[in-house]
């Protein structure tokens, strides 16, 4: 009887421990597919970081990742910086910190004919991914700063750039094949896939155009961490070290990346090369060290699309 009571007591204690945080040592790390997944590829083979177990998940939608950050399902995530700022500004500042910037722009325009610049798109239809999503906001901001008029239209508009939208990059290659689309914006590595499959070429570097009108690098996406986990100095230091080493690892191990990210849920079929890694523009900059460029980017988005950043710039508490 005593043995049974001891066993039951131990079971209750274990169950209570698990329910009250016994599994909290496992860190759930979410990232969108594509270049953001590449920005953490070398970490995905790690069973633990800084003494904590890791659970990496590649999620298709950045908005879904934002929701998981806000509700606490994701402990660490890579997400577009405007969504990170929006999550912070909309009542969750106690939960979200920006650790680093890790994707410095992977957006390119592909097309059937070369361009001299954005002004060459007047009278053309340009397809983009998601109305009011990061690629759309960025492209429209570039058009405005170049004084190029535009409107949403399925057909060419005289004197303007016509804008149309698809849900994701996979919708564009069939449109190029059938001739429905002439120009479209997408991110690497989808760009490489599209060019190989449809005969399109890369005709415009979106981040280069951003730098021309803004004057700083294009900080597209970064790592956010929940505030409680941000207090674990050992974990944060180990995570920073591994993120900083990722780009070099990816370049040296490009052939392995496809298998690594596929195991975590990626749907990419491209074979990675060092050249492709370079076009993904992955890297590492601590949030506190690149704050000026981040604020310039978020400030530009705020002027143009206030709701995309939560209607204000995040305060200093955003930067870890």
Protein backbone atom coordinates (compact mmCIF):
# COMPACT_ATOMS: atom_id res chain seq x y z
CA UNK A 1 0.00 0.00 0.00
CA UNK A 2 2.85 2.36 0.92
CA UNK A 3 4.54 1.66 -2.41
CA UNK A 4 1.30 2.43 -4.23
CA UNK A 5 0.89 5.71 -2.33
CA UNK A 6 4.48 6.69 -3.08
CA UNK A 7 3.99 5.90 -6.76
CA UNK A 8 0.78 7.93 -6.90
CA UNK A 9 2.43 10.83 -5.07
CA UNK A 10 5.38 10.80 -7.48
CA UNK A 11 3.00 10.72 -10.43
CA UNK A 12 1.05 13.70 -9.09
CA UNK A 13 4.24 15.67 -8.45
CA UNK A 14 5.53 14.92 -11.96
CA UNK A 15 2.20 15.87 -13.53
CA UNK A 16 2.07 19.09 -11.51
CA UNK A 17 5.65 19.93 -12.50
CA UNK A 18 4.86 19.37 -16.18
CA UNK A 19 1.68 21.42 -16.05
CA UNK A 20 3.43 24.28 -14.22
CA UNK A 21 6.37 24.56 -16.56
CA UNK A 22 8.26 21.30 -16.70
CA UNK A 23 8.13 21.52 -20.50
CA UNK A 24 9.04 25.22 -20.54
CA UNK A 25 12.68 24.33 -21.19
CA UNK A 26 11.67 23.50 -24.77
CA UNK A 27 11.84 26.62 -26.92
CA UNK A 28 9.43 26.76 -29.88
CA UNK A 29 11.14 28.60 -32.76
CA UNK A 30 8.95 29.50 -35.76
CA UNK A 31 10.01 30.93 -39.10
CA UNK A 32 8.37 31.51 -42.47
CA UNK A 33 9.54 29.39 -45.39
CA UNK A 34 12.11 30.78 -47.80
CA UNK A 35 14.95 33.15 -46.91
CA UNK A 36 13.86 33.48 -43.24
CA UNK A 37 14.21 29.72 -42.86
CA UNK A 38 17.69 29.96 -44.41
CA UNK A 39 18.51 32.65 -41.84
CA UNK A 40 18.21 29.99 -39.13
CA UNK A 41 19.11 26.85 -41.09
CA UNK A 42 22.29 26.02 -39.16
CA UNK A 43 20.35 26.11 -35.88
CA UNK A 44 17.74 23.59 -36.98
CA UNK A 45 20.01 20.64 -36.40
CA UNK A 46 20.67 21.71 -32.82
CA UNK A 47 18.83 19.69 -30.19
CA UNK A 48 19.47 22.34 -27.58
CA UNK A 49 20.64 25.94 -27.39
CA UNK A 50 21.90 27.51 -24.20
CA UNK A 51 20.66 24.62 -22.11
CA UNK A 52 17.14 24.61 -23.56
CA UNK A 53 15.63 22.04 -25.92
CA UNK A 54 14.55 23.39 -29.31
CA UNK A 55 11.51 22.78 -31.48
CA UNK A 56 11.88 24.41 -34.92
CA UNK A 57 8.79 24.82 -37.08
CA UNK A 58 8.56 26.33 -40.57
CA UNK A 59 5.20 28.06 -41.03
CA UNK A 60 3.93 29.31 -44.39
CA UNK A 61 2.27 32.51 -43.19
CA UNK A 62 4.02 35.42 -41.46
CA UNK A 63 0.63 36.50 -40.08
CA UNK A 64 0.20 33.07 -38.50
CA UNK A 65 3.61 33.40 -36.91
CA UNK A 66 2.67 36.81 -35.54
CA UNK A 67 -0.47 35.30 -33.98
CA UNK A 68 1.61 32.55 -32.38
CA UNK A 69 4.04 35.12 -30.98
CA UNK A 70 1.21 37.16 -29.51
CA UNK A 71 -0.58 34.17 -27.95
CA UNK A 72 2.65 32.75 -26.57
CA UNK A 73 2.85 29.58 -28.68
CA UNK A 74 6.08 30.73 -30.31
CA UNK A 75 8.92 31.60 -27.93
CA UNK A 76 11.26 32.77 -30.70
CA UNK A 77 10.34 33.65 -34.27
CA UNK A 78 11.62 35.21 -37.45
CA UNK A 79 9.11 37.66 -38.86
CA UNK A 80 8.89 40.80 -41.02
CA UNK A 81 10.00 43.78 -38.95
CA UNK A 82 6.80 45.72 -39.52
CA UNK A 83 4.80 42.80 -38.07
CA UNK A 84 7.21 42.56 -35.15
CA UNK A 85 6.67 46.27 -34.47
CA UNK A 86 2.92 45.85 -34.85
CA UNK A 87 2.88 42.97 -32.36
CA UNK A 88 4.84 45.09 -29.90
CA UNK A 89 2.70 48.19 -30.35
CA UNK A 90 -0.67 46.48 -30.13
CA UNK A 91 -0.69 45.69 -26.45
CA UNK A 92 1.97 42.96 -26.37
CA UNK A 93 5.10 44.95 -25.54
CA UNK A 94 5.52 42.88 -22.37
CA UNK A 95 5.83 39.79 -24.57
CA UNK A 96 7.97 40.82 -27.55
CA UNK A 97 11.58 41.93 -27.96
CA UNK A 98 13.54 42.33 -31.19
CA UNK A 99 16.75 40.37 -30.83
CA UNK A 100 18.32 40.90 -34.25
CA UNK A 101 17.88 41.57 -37.95
CA UNK A 102 18.64 38.51 -40.05
CA UNK A 103 17.22 39.07 -43.54
CA UNK A 104 18.38 42.20 -45.35
CA UNK A 105 16.05 41.92 -48.30
CA UNK A 106 15.41 38.96 -50.59
CA UNK A 107 12.82 40.60 -52.85
CA UNK A 108 13.28 40.77 -56.61
CA UNK A 109 11.16 41.52 -59.64
CA UNK A 110 11.23 38.91 -62.38
CA UNK A 111 9.95 39.42 -65.87
CA UNK A 112 10.01 38.51 -69.54
CA UNK A 113 11.70 41.74 -70.68
CA UNK A 114 14.54 43.81 -69.14
CA UNK A 115 13.91 47.12 -67.40
CA UNK A 116 15.88 50.37 -67.16
CA UNK A 117 14.39 51.03 -63.74
CA UNK A 118 11.03 51.39 -61.94
CA UNK A 119 9.95 54.11 -64.37
CA UNK A 120 9.97 51.51 -67.17
CA UNK A 121 6.99 49.84 -65.49
CA UNK A 122 4.58 52.65 -66.37
CA UNK A 123 1.89 51.15 -68.59
CA UNK A 124 2.66 47.63 -67.29
CA UNK A 125 0.92 45.31 -64.82
CA UNK A 126 3.04 44.15 -61.88
CA UNK A 127 1.96 41.20 -59.75
CA UNK A 128 2.92 41.09 -56.09
CA UNK A 129 2.37 38.84 -53.08
CA UNK A 130 -0.45 39.93 -50.80
CA UNK A 131 -2.00 43.38 -50.91
CA UNK A 132 -0.64 45.46 -47.99
CA UNK A 133 1.90 42.76 -47.14
CA UNK A 134 5.61 43.63 -46.80
CA UNK A 135 6.54 43.24 -50.52
CA UNK A 136 3.57 45.37 -51.56
CA UNK A 137 4.25 48.14 -49.03
CA UNK A 138 7.90 48.23 -50.01
CA UNK A 139 7.25 48.39 -53.74
CA UNK A 140 4.57 51.06 -53.46
CA UNK A 141 6.86 53.15 -51.25
CA UNK A 142 9.59 52.92 -53.91
CA UNK A 143 7.10 54.00 -56.59
CA UNK A 144 5.94 56.96 -54.53
CA UNK A 145 9.48 58.12 -53.77
CA UNK A 146 10.22 57.97 -57.49
CA UNK A 147 7.03 59.96 -58.21
CA UNK A 148 5.63 57.08 -60.25
CA UNK A 149 1.80 56.91 -60.12
CA UNK A 150 0.05 53.59 -59.69
CA UNK A 151 -3.34 52.03 -59.13
CA UNK A 152 -4.81 48.58 -58.57
CA UNK A 153 -5.94 47.27 -61.96
CA UNK A 154 -6.09 43.97 -63.81
CA UNK A 155 -5.17 45.68 -67.09
CA UNK A 156 -2.50 48.23 -68.07
CA UNK A 157 -3.24 51.86 -67.18
CA UNK A 158 -1.89 54.70 -69.28
CA UNK A 159 0.65 56.77 -67.35
CA UNK A 160 0.57 54.50 -64.30
CA UNK A 161 1.87 51.19 -62.95
CA UNK A 162 -1.00 48.74 -62.55
CA UNK A 163 -0.82 46.55 -59.44
CA UNK A 164 -2.29 43.08 -59.05
CA UNK A 165 -1.91 40.50 -56.28
CA UNK A 166 -1.55 36.77 -55.71
CA UNK A 167 -1.70 34.91 -52.42
CA UNK A 168 1.82 33.46 -52.60
CA UNK A 169 4.80 33.08 -54.91
CA UNK A 170 3.71 29.65 -56.16
CA UNK A 171 0.87 31.29 -58.10
CA UNK A 172 3.18 33.33 -60.33
CA UNK A 173 5.12 30.75 -62.43
CA UNK A 174 1.97 29.34 -64.10
CA UNK A 175 0.97 32.91 -64.94
CA UNK A 176 4.32 33.56 -66.59
CA UNK A 177 4.04 30.32 -68.54
CA UNK A 178 0.64 31.22 -69.94
CA UNK A 179 1.61 34.83 -70.63
CA UNK A 180 -0.89 36.25 -68.15
CA UNK A 181 1.89 37.89 -66.15
CA UNK A 182 4.76 39.94 -67.55
CA UNK A 183 6.31 41.14 -64.27
CA UNK A 184 6.07 39.94 -60.69
CA UNK A 185 7.73 40.43 -57.31
CA UNK A 186 8.73 37.51 -55.11
CA UNK A 187 11.44 36.50 -52.68
CA UNK A 188 14.40 34.20 -53.04
CA UNK A 189 14.62 31.26 -53.38
CA UNK A 190 11.26 31.33 -55.21
CA UNK A 191 12.87 33.72 -57.71
CA UNK A 192 15.46 31.13 -58.73
CA UNK A 193 12.77 28.48 -59.13
CA UNK A 194 10.60 30.76 -61.25
CA UNK A 195 13.44 31.83 -63.56
CA UNK A 196 14.47 28.21 -64.12
CA UNK A 197 10.93 27.01 -64.77
CA UNK A 198 9.54 29.83 -66.91
CA UNK A 199 12.44 31.57 -68.65
CA UNK A 200 11.97 34.82 -66.75
CA UNK A 201 14.98 36.80 -65.54
CA UNK A 202 15.58 39.00 -62.52
CA UNK A 203 14.94 42.55 -63.75
CA UNK A 204 14.89 44.62 -60.55
CA UNK A 205 16.57 44.32 -57.14
CA UNK A 206 13.96 45.66 -54.74
CA UNK A 207 16.33 46.21 -51.80
CA UNK A 208 18.75 48.09 -54.05
CA UNK A 209 15.89 50.37 -55.12
CA UNK A 210 14.97 50.81 -51.45
CA UNK A 211 18.49 51.90 -50.58
CA UNK A 212 18.40 54.47 -53.40
CA UNK A 213 15.34 56.24 -51.99
CA UNK A 214 15.87 55.68 -48.24
CA UNK A 215 19.64 55.61 -47.90
CA UNK A 216 20.01 52.59 -45.61
CA UNK A 217 20.04 48.80 -45.91
CA UNK A 218 16.67 47.14 -46.18
CA UNK A 219 15.98 45.35 -42.86
CA UNK A 220 13.25 42.98 -43.99
CA UNK A 221 12.98 40.43 -41.18
CA UNK A 222 14.44 39.62 -37.81
CA UNK A 223 14.31 37.42 -34.74
CA UNK A 224 11.87 38.26 -31.96
CA UNK A 225 11.91 36.63 -28.55
CA UNK A 226 9.41 36.69 -25.73
CA UNK A 227 10.35 38.93 -22.83
CA UNK A 228 10.55 36.14 -20.26
CA UNK A 229 12.97 34.12 -22.36
CA UNK A 230 14.94 37.31 -23.08
CA UNK A 231 15.84 37.28 -19.39
CA UNK A 232 17.74 34.00 -19.79
CA UNK A 233 21.22 35.43 -20.43
CA UNK A 234 22.76 32.04 -21.17
CA UNK A 235 20.17 31.21 -23.82
CA UNK A 236 20.25 34.68 -25.41
CA UNK A 237 24.06 34.64 -25.66
CA UNK A 238 24.06 31.16 -27.22
CA UNK A 239 21.28 32.10 -29.66
CA UNK A 240 23.10 35.27 -30.74
CA UNK A 241 26.32 33.33 -31.31
CA UNK A 242 24.62 30.71 -33.47
CA UNK A 243 22.63 33.26 -35.49
CA UNK A 244 25.79 35.26 -36.15
CA UNK A 245 27.53 32.16 -37.50
CA UNK A 246 24.60 31.05 -39.67
CA UNK A 247 25.39 32.89 -42.93
CA UNK A 248 28.92 31.51 -43.09
CA UNK A 249 27.63 28.01 -42.33
CA UNK A 250 24.99 28.29 -45.05
CA UNK A 251 27.53 29.37 -47.66
CA UNK A 252 29.85 26.51 -46.75
CA UNK A 253 27.05 23.92 -46.54
CA UNK A 254 24.67 25.15 -49.23
CA UNK A 255 24.05 21.66 -50.59
CA UNK A 256 22.73 20.50 -47.19
CA UNK A 257 20.25 23.31 -46.60
CA UNK A 258 17.38 21.80 -48.60
CA UNK A 259 17.36 18.62 -46.49
CA UNK A 260 17.75 20.56 -43.23
CA UNK A 261 14.78 22.87 -43.78
CA UNK A 262 12.61 20.24 -45.46
CA UNK A 263 12.85 18.18 -42.26
CA UNK A 264 11.31 21.14 -40.42
CA UNK A 265 8.41 21.64 -42.81
CA UNK A 266 9.78 23.61 -45.76
CA UNK A 267 8.06 23.12 -49.11
CA UNK A 268 11.02 24.46 -51.13
CA UNK A 269 12.36 22.30 -53.94
CA UNK A 270 15.27 24.51 -55.03
CA UNK A 271 18.83 23.23 -54.79
CA UNK A 272 20.78 25.81 -52.81
CA UNK A 273 24.14 27.17 -53.94
CA UNK A 274 26.49 29.74 -52.43
CA UNK A 275 25.32 32.20 -55.10
CA UNK A 276 21.68 31.70 -54.13
CA UNK A 277 22.53 32.12 -50.45
CA UNK A 278 24.09 35.46 -51.36
CA UNK A 279 20.88 36.62 -53.03
CA UNK A 280 18.89 35.69 -49.93
CA UNK A 281 20.87 38.38 -48.04
CA UNK A 282 20.83 36.55 -44.73
CA UNK A 283 23.08 37.75 -41.95
CA UNK A 284 23.07 39.01 -38.39
CA UNK A 285 22.96 42.40 -36.72
CA UNK A 286 21.99 42.88 -33.07
CA UNK A 287 18.82 44.96 -32.77
CA UNK A 288 20.49 47.54 -30.56
CA UNK A 289 23.29 48.01 -33.11
CA UNK A 290 21.03 48.43 -36.16
CA UNK A 291 18.30 50.42 -34.44
CA UNK A 292 18.77 53.48 -36.68
CA UNK A 293 18.22 51.50 -39.90
CA UNK A 294 15.25 49.69 -38.37
CA UNK A 295 13.66 52.96 -37.29
CA UNK A 296 14.20 54.47 -40.73
CA UNK A 297 12.53 51.45 -42.31
CA UNK A 298 9.64 51.42 -39.84
CA UNK A 299 9.32 55.19 -40.11
CA UNK A 300 8.99 54.92 -43.87
CA UNK A 301 6.32 52.26 -43.51
CA UNK A 302 4.58 54.36 -40.84
CA UNK A 303 4.30 57.32 -43.20
CA UNK A 304 2.94 55.18 -45.97
CA UNK A 305 0.94 52.43 -44.24
CA UNK A 306 0.47 53.26 -40.51
CA UNK A 307 -1.58 50.15 -39.72
CA UNK A 308 1.29 47.94 -40.89
CA UNK A 309 3.39 48.93 -37.87
CA UNK A 310 0.68 49.51 -35.28
CA UNK A 311 0.31 53.25 -36.01
CA UNK A 312 3.53 54.31 -34.25
CA UNK A 313 7.19 53.51 -33.92
CA UNK A 314 8.01 51.07 -31.13
CA UNK A 315 9.79 52.62 -28.15
CA UNK A 316 13.27 51.70 -26.93
CA UNK A 317 11.90 48.71 -25.02
CA UNK A 318 11.45 46.94 -28.35
CA UNK A 319 15.21 46.57 -28.92
CA UNK A 320 17.13 43.89 -27.02
